[in-house]
Amino acid sequence: MVRGHAKADAQAKNAKKLADAKKNGSQRGAAEKAMLIQCDICKVSMPTVKQLKDHFDSRHSSLPFPSQYAAMLEQATCGAAAEQEPAQAKPVPKKKKKKKPEEGLDDLLSAGLAGGKKKGK
């Protein structure tokens, strides 16, 4: 029977897919493992010390930043600065300003902005 064979193949394929998913873990579990640092006041979890610092600045601005995380923040910012090479600033070209013609008719005609033909005598 063709249908019975296809059913067995589908079941085997689905079992393999589920086994791979179980072996790799879920995205939700990986996200929870990445949340290493927790705010002591409101118990919000964050993956980096910099995000905790930003959180403290915006949510708990009246309270001092915890000293236990301050050393970690300093170490993280110094390490990141040492790894990056200083980038050379490229000069930004200045935009040329268009000259505004004077309001006189002669200036408009000489600039070719009149749109009409010149009447010559």
C-alpha atoms as a PDB file:
ATOM      1  CA  MET A   1       0.000   0.000   0.000  1.00  0.00           C
ATOM      2  CA  VAL A   2       1.313   3.370  -0.968  1.00  0.00           C
ATOM      3  CA  ARG A   3      -0.543   5.325   1.711  1.00  0.00           C
ATOM      4  CA  GLY A   4       0.727   3.137   4.524  1.00  0.00           C
ATOM      5  CA  HIS A   5       4.303   3.557   3.347  1.00  0.00           C
ATOM      6  CA  ALA A   6       3.922   7.345   3.082  1.00  0.00           C
ATOM      7  CA  LYS A   7       2.436   7.437   6.587  1.00  0.00           C
ATOM      8  CA  ALA A   8       5.415   5.570   8.029  1.00  0.00           C
ATOM      9  CA  ASP A   9       7.836   7.886   6.229  1.00  0.00           C
ATOM     10  CA  ALA A  10       5.985  10.972   7.545  1.00  0.00           C
ATOM     11  CA  GLN A  11       6.072   9.605  11.093  1.00  0.00           C
ATOM     12  CA  ALA A  12       9.799   8.891  10.860  1.00  0.00           C
ATOM     13  CA  LYS A  13      10.476  12.353   9.431  1.00  0.00           C
ATOM     14  CA  ASN A  14       8.412  14.013  12.177  1.00  0.00           C
ATOM     15  CA  ALA A  15      10.167  11.969  14.894  1.00  0.00           C
ATOM     16  CA  LYS A  16      13.557  13.068  13.558  1.00  0.00           C
ATOM     17  CA  LYS A  17      12.404  16.702  13.481  1.00  0.00           C
ATOM     18  CA  LEU A  18      11.197  16.538  17.091  1.00  0.00           C
ATOM     19  CA  ALA A  19      14.428  14.881  18.224  1.00  0.00           C
ATOM     20  CA  ASP A  20      16.502  17.635  16.593  1.00  0.00           C
ATOM     21  CA  ALA A  21      14.346  20.318  18.211  1.00  0.00           C
ATOM     22  CA  LYS A  22      14.688  18.674  21.624  1.00  0.00           C
ATOM     23  CA  LYS A  23      18.455  18.341  21.221  1.00  0.00           C
ATOM     24  CA  ASN A  24      18.915  21.991  20.189  1.00  0.00           C
ATOM     25  CA  GLY A  25      16.595  23.343  22.868  1.00  0.00           C
ATOM     26  CA  SER A  26      14.001  26.032  22.515  1.00  0.00           C
ATOM     27  CA  GLN A  27      14.602  29.665  21.736  1.00  0.00           C
ATOM     28  CA  ARG A  28      12.806  30.620  24.886  1.00  0.00           C
ATOM     29  CA  GLY A  29      15.184  28.566  27.009  1.00  0.00           C
ATOM     30  CA  ALA A  30      18.196  30.105  25.303  1.00  0.00           C
ATOM     31  CA  ALA A  31      16.802  33.595  25.885  1.00  0.00           C
ATOM     32  CA  GLU A  32      16.279  32.875  29.581  1.00  0.00           C
ATOM     33  CA  LYS A  33      19.844  31.610  29.919  1.00  0.00           C
ATOM     34  CA  ALA A  34      21.142  34.809  28.282  1.00  0.00           C
ATOM     35  CA  MET A  35      19.505  36.951  30.975  1.00  0.00           C
ATOM     36  CA  LEU A  36      22.369  36.921  33.445  1.00  0.00           C
ATOM     37  CA  ILE A  37      21.919  40.150  35.392  1.00  0.00           C
ATOM     38  CA  GLN A  38      18.891  41.059  37.468  1.00  0.00           C
ATOM     39  CA  CYS A  39      17.869  44.447  38.815  1.00  0.00           C
ATOM     40  CA  ASP A  40      17.844  44.204  42.621  1.00  0.00           C
ATOM     41  CA  ILE A  41      14.941  46.627  42.929  1.00  0.00           C
ATOM     42  CA  CYS A  42      12.365  45.536  40.358  1.00  0.00           C
ATOM     43  CA  LYS A  43      13.734  42.048  39.505  1.00  0.00           C
ATOM     44  CA  VAL A  44      13.901  42.651  35.747  1.00  0.00           C
ATOM     45  CA  SER A  45      16.499  40.468  34.001  1.00  0.00           C
ATOM     46  CA  MET A  46      18.956  41.835  31.444  1.00  0.00           C
ATOM     47  CA  PRO A  47      21.715  40.238  29.386  1.00  0.00           C
ATOM     48  CA  THR A  48      24.386  42.950  29.787  1.00  0.00           C
ATOM     49  CA  VAL A  49      25.648  45.339  32.445  1.00  0.00           C
ATOM     50  CA  LYS A  50      25.287  48.264  30.047  1.00  0.00           C
ATOM     51  CA  GLN A  51      21.585  47.561  29.710  1.00  0.00           C
ATOM     52  CA  LEU A  52      21.326  47.426  33.507  1.00  0.00           C
ATOM     53  CA  LYS A  53      23.048  50.825  33.707  1.00  0.00           C
ATOM     54  CA  ASP A  54      20.608  52.267  31.147  1.00  0.00           C
ATOM     55  CA  HIS A  55      17.738  50.716  33.105  1.00  0.00           C
ATOM     56  CA  PHE A  56      18.965  52.300  36.333  1.00  0.00           C
ATOM     57  CA  ASP A  57      19.374  55.688  34.663  1.00  0.00           C
ATOM     58  CA  SER A  58      15.836  55.681  33.342  1.00  0.00           C
ATOM     59  CA  ARG A  59      13.844  53.773  35.994  1.00  0.00           C
ATOM     60  CA  HIS A  60      15.724  54.270  39.248  1.00  0.00           C
ATOM     61  CA  SER A  61      17.495  57.578  38.649  1.00  0.00           C
ATOM     62  CA  SER A  62      17.201  58.683  42.272  1.00  0.00           C
ATOM     63  CA  LEU A  63      19.105  55.614  43.500  1.00  0.00           C
ATOM     64  CA  PRO A  64      22.856  55.042  43.081  1.00  0.00           C
ATOM     65  CA  PHE A  65      24.064  52.395  40.646  1.00  0.00           C
ATOM     66  CA  PRO A  66      25.134  49.256  42.614  1.00  0.00           C
ATOM     67  CA  SER A  67      28.879  49.085  43.161  1.00  0.00           C
ATOM     68  CA  GLN A  68      28.970  45.347  42.420  1.00  0.00           C
ATOM     69  CA  TYR A  69      27.922  46.084  38.822  1.00  0.00           C
ATOM     70  CA  ALA A  70      29.920  49.305  38.467  1.00  0.00           C
ATOM     71  CA  ALA A  71      33.213  47.395  38.321  1.00  0.00           C
ATOM     72  CA  MET A  72      31.773  45.015  35.738  1.00  0.00           C
ATOM     73  CA  LEU A  73      30.544  47.966  33.658  1.00  0.00           C
ATOM     74  CA  GLU A  74      33.939  49.651  33.790  1.00  0.00           C
ATOM     75  CA  GLN A  75      35.672  46.430  32.776  1.00  0.00           C
ATOM     76  CA  ALA A  76      33.222  45.870  29.918  1.00  0.00           C
ATOM     77  CA  THR A  77      33.587  49.405  28.540  1.00  0.00           C
ATOM     78  CA  CYS A  78      37.396  49.402  28.834  1.00  0.00           C
ATOM     79  CA  GLY A  79      37.648  46.020  27.129  1.00  0.00           C
ATOM     80  CA  ALA A  80      35.392  47.081  24.296  1.00  0.00           C
ATOM     81  CA  ALA A  81      37.332  50.301  23.790  1.00  0.00           C
ATOM     82  CA  ALA A  82      40.651  48.440  23.700  1.00  0.00           C
ATOM     83  CA  GLU A  83      39.420  45.968  21.098  1.00  0.00           C
ATOM     84  CA  GLN A  84      38.210  48.631  18.687  1.00  0.00           C
ATOM     85  CA  GLU A  85      40.744  50.518  16.663  1.00  0.00           C
ATOM     86  CA  PRO A  86      40.269  54.260  16.566  1.00  0.00           C
ATOM     87  CA  ALA A  87      38.414  55.191  13.425  1.00  0.00           C
ATOM     88  CA  GLN A  88      39.730  58.074  11.379  1.00  0.00           C
ATOM     89  CA  ALA A  89      37.166  60.766  10.883  1.00  0.00           C
ATOM     90  CA  LYS A  90      36.521  61.519   7.253  1.00  0.00           C
ATOM     91  CA  PRO A  91      35.928  65.149   6.431  1.00  0.00           C
ATOM     92  CA  VAL A  92      32.398  65.852   5.364  1.00  0.00           C
ATOM     93  CA  PRO A  93      32.254  67.821   2.122  1.00  0.00           C
ATOM     94  CA  LYS A  94      30.520  71.144   2.468  1.00  0.00           C
ATOM     95  CA  LYS A  95      27.438  71.724   0.399  1.00  0.00           C
ATOM     96  CA  LYS A  96      27.653  74.532  -2.073  1.00  0.00           C
ATOM     97  CA  LYS A  97      25.137  77.221  -1.472  1.00  0.00           C
ATOM     98  CA  LYS A  98      23.154  78.389  -4.426  1.00  0.00           C
ATOM     99  CA  LYS A  99      23.417  82.053  -5.078  1.00  0.00           C
ATOM    100  CA  LYS A 100      20.102  83.767  -4.802  1.00  0.00           C
ATOM    101  CA  PRO A 101      19.503  86.225  -7.586  1.00  0.00           C
ATOM    102  CA  GLU A 102      18.622  89.755  -6.668  1.00  0.00           C
ATOM    103  CA  GLU A 103      15.065  90.806  -6.917  1.00  0.00           C
ATOM    104  CA  GLY A 104      15.739  93.090  -9.869  1.00  0.00           C
ATOM    105  CA  LEU A 105      14.398  92.176 -13.293  1.00  0.00           C
ATOM    106  CA  ASP A 106      17.800  92.614 -14.949  1.00  0.00           C
ATOM    107  CA  ASP A 107      19.363  90.101 -12.599  1.00  0.00           C
ATOM    108  CA  LEU A 108      16.559  87.604 -13.240  1.00  0.00           C
ATOM    109  CA  LEU A 109      16.984  87.961 -16.973  1.00  0.00           C
ATOM    110  CA  SER A 110      20.752  87.557 -16.783  1.00  0.00           C
ATOM    111  CA  ALA A 111      20.336  84.455 -14.639  1.00  0.00           C
ATOM    112  CA  GLY A 112      17.899  83.042 -17.183  1.00  0.00           C
ATOM    113  CA  LEU A 113      15.116  82.712 -14.695  1.00  0.00           C
ATOM    114  CA  ALA A 114      12.582  84.973 -16.405  1.00  0.00           C
ATOM    115  CA  GLY A 115      11.258  82.124 -18.520  1.00  0.00           C
ATOM    116  CA  GLY A 116      10.214  84.419 -21.324  1.00  0.00           C
ATOM    117  CA  LYS A 117      12.145  85.509 -24.372  1.00  0.00           C
ATOM    118  CA  LYS A 118      14.075  88.723 -24.277  1.00  0.00           C
ATOM    119  CA  LYS A 119      12.675  91.460 -26.391  1.00  0.00           C
ATOM    120  CA  GLY A 120      15.484  93.184 -28.179  1.00  0.00           C
ATOM    121  CA  LYS A 121      15.349  96.681 -29.678  1.00  0.00           C
END
